[in-house]
Protein backbone atom coordinates (compact mmCIF):
# COMPACT_ATOMS: atom_id res chain seq x y z
CA UNK A 1 -108.25 -182.39 178.04
CA UNK A 2 -106.99 -185.40 176.21
CA UNK A 3 -106.04 -185.78 172.58
CA UNK A 4 -108.71 -188.44 172.17
CA UNK A 5 -111.43 -186.15 173.54
CA UNK A 6 -110.28 -183.25 171.41
CA UNK A 7 -110.25 -185.32 168.23
CA UNK A 8 -113.70 -186.73 169.05
CA UNK A 9 -114.97 -183.16 169.60
CA UNK A 10 -113.58 -182.06 166.23
CA UNK A 11 -115.14 -185.07 164.51
CA UNK A 12 -118.53 -184.34 166.05
CA UNK A 13 -118.36 -180.73 164.86
CA UNK A 14 -117.91 -182.01 161.30
CA UNK A 15 -121.11 -184.05 161.38
CA UNK A 16 -123.89 -182.94 159.04
CA UNK A 17 -126.43 -182.39 161.82
CA UNK A 18 -124.13 -179.99 163.73
CA UNK A 19 -123.13 -178.15 160.56
CA UNK A 20 -126.83 -177.70 159.68
CA UNK A 21 -127.55 -176.29 163.13
CA UNK A 22 -124.63 -173.85 162.83
CA UNK A 23 -125.84 -172.79 159.37
CA UNK A 24 -129.35 -172.24 160.76
CA UNK A 25 -127.86 -169.94 163.39
CA UNK A 26 -126.01 -168.04 160.66
CA UNK A 27 -129.22 -167.66 158.67
CA UNK A 28 -131.06 -166.27 161.70
CA UNK A 29 -128.65 -163.36 161.92
CA UNK A 30 -128.33 -160.78 159.21
CA UNK A 31 -125.16 -158.84 159.93
CA UNK A 32 -126.55 -155.64 158.38
CA UNK A 33 -129.76 -155.62 160.43
CA UNK A 34 -129.11 -157.24 163.80
CA UNK A 35 -130.65 -156.33 167.14
CA UNK A 36 -129.03 -156.80 170.52
CA UNK A 37 -131.64 -159.36 171.56
CA UNK A 38 -131.09 -161.37 168.39
CA UNK A 39 -127.34 -161.35 168.93
CA UNK A 40 -127.74 -162.49 172.55
CA UNK A 41 -130.14 -165.22 171.51
CA UNK A 42 -127.82 -166.46 168.76
CA UNK A 43 -124.85 -166.41 171.10
CA UNK A 44 -126.80 -168.39 173.70
CA UNK A 45 -127.95 -170.91 171.10
CA UNK A 46 -124.40 -171.32 169.77
CA UNK A 47 -123.00 -171.78 173.29
CA UNK A 48 -125.57 -174.42 174.17
CA UNK A 49 -124.88 -176.23 170.89
CA UNK A 50 -121.12 -176.32 171.53
CA UNK A 51 -121.64 -177.34 175.16
CA UNK A 52 -123.97 -180.17 174.19
CA UNK A 53 -121.35 -181.50 171.76
CA UNK A 54 -118.48 -181.05 174.21
CA UNK A 55 -120.07 -182.62 177.29
CA UNK A 56 -119.92 -186.11 175.79
CA UNK A 57 -116.34 -185.73 174.59
CA UNK A 58 -114.52 -184.55 177.68
CA UNK A 59 -114.17 -186.11 181.10
CA UNK A 60 -115.32 -183.66 183.75
CA UNK A 61 -114.40 -185.73 186.79
CA UNK A 62 -111.64 -184.85 189.22
CA UNK A 63 -108.23 -186.31 188.34
CA UNK A 64 -107.90 -188.43 191.48
CA UNK A 65 -111.62 -189.21 191.72
CA UNK A 66 -111.61 -188.92 195.51
CA UNK A 67 -113.47 -186.15 197.30
CA UNK A 68 -111.56 -185.05 200.37
CA UNK A 69 -113.52 -184.12 203.47
CA UNK A 70 -113.58 -180.40 204.15
CA UNK A 71 -112.21 -180.88 207.65
CA UNK A 72 -110.46 -183.64 209.52
CA UNK A 73 -112.59 -186.12 211.50
CA UNK A 74 -111.54 -184.65 214.85
CA UNK A 75 -112.62 -181.10 213.86
CA UNK A 76 -116.09 -181.05 215.42
CA UNK A 77 -118.75 -178.45 216.23
CA UNK A 78 -116.79 -177.02 219.15
CA UNK A 79 -113.78 -176.45 216.87
CA UNK A 80 -115.98 -174.78 214.25
CA UNK A 81 -117.41 -172.44 216.87
CA UNK A 82 -113.96 -171.50 218.16
CA UNK A 83 -112.74 -170.90 214.61
CA UNK A 84 -115.75 -168.70 213.86
CA UNK A 85 -115.09 -166.63 217.00
CA UNK A 86 -111.45 -166.28 216.03
CA UNK A 87 -112.32 -165.05 212.54
CA UNK A 88 -114.80 -162.54 213.98
CA UNK A 89 -112.17 -161.21 216.36
CA UNK A 90 -109.67 -160.88 213.49
CA UNK A 91 -112.19 -158.75 211.58
CA UNK A 92 -112.88 -156.67 214.69
CA UNK A 93 -109.16 -156.02 215.22
CA UNK A 94 -108.77 -155.08 211.56
CA UNK A 95 -111.60 -152.55 211.86
CA UNK A 96 -110.40 -151.10 215.20
CA UNK A 97 -106.61 -151.60 215.45
CA UNK A 98 -106.22 -149.10 218.33
CA UNK A 99 -108.89 -150.55 220.63
CA UNK A 100 -107.10 -152.41 223.43
CA UNK A 101 -110.21 -154.21 224.68
CA UNK A 102 -110.75 -155.80 221.25
CA UNK A 103 -107.08 -156.77 221.07
CA UNK A 104 -107.23 -158.46 224.49
CA UNK A 105 -110.39 -160.34 223.51
CA UNK A 106 -108.70 -161.39 220.26
CA UNK A 107 -105.67 -162.78 222.14
CA UNK A 108 -108.04 -164.75 224.39
CA UNK A 109 -109.80 -166.15 221.30
CA UNK A 110 -106.46 -167.16 219.75
CA UNK A 111 -105.38 -168.96 222.94
CA UNK A 112 -108.77 -170.63 223.30
CA UNK A 113 -108.77 -171.79 219.68
CA UNK A 114 -105.26 -173.19 219.93
CA UNK A 115 -106.12 -174.99 223.17
CA UNK A 116 -109.26 -176.57 221.74
CA UNK A 117 -107.47 -177.66 218.57
CA UNK A 118 -104.54 -179.18 220.47
CA UNK A 119 -106.74 -181.11 222.90
CA UNK A 120 -109.09 -182.40 220.20
CA UNK A 121 -106.19 -183.48 218.01
CA UNK A 122 -104.40 -185.18 220.89
CA UNK A 123 -107.54 -187.05 221.95
CA UNK A 124 -108.22 -188.17 218.40
CA UNK A 125 -104.68 -189.28 217.59
């Protein structure tokens, strides 16, 4: 949020067209005889009105404007598969902490994952 955007938003809310739309929403609802559906509808209408005014006032982009890749360039399909196996073995160990076979398989997955990551990173760099 910037001061400029906030002041522009406040100025737009003071325009006659927006004030008329807000007054129309007020007229739709009678506080003494209101149904749940009418309240939901009015709330939805009010939210869409405020959102339509606000979307032009505020910058919704990321601060740095650069989208980072989810993974490094060297992290390929083989690395993803090893990581997925490692995560599965972690869940299996969490569910069965006393099962030695699962623990041994988990240790093998950890060693395999580390080995794949180290070799891929070394080859790339």
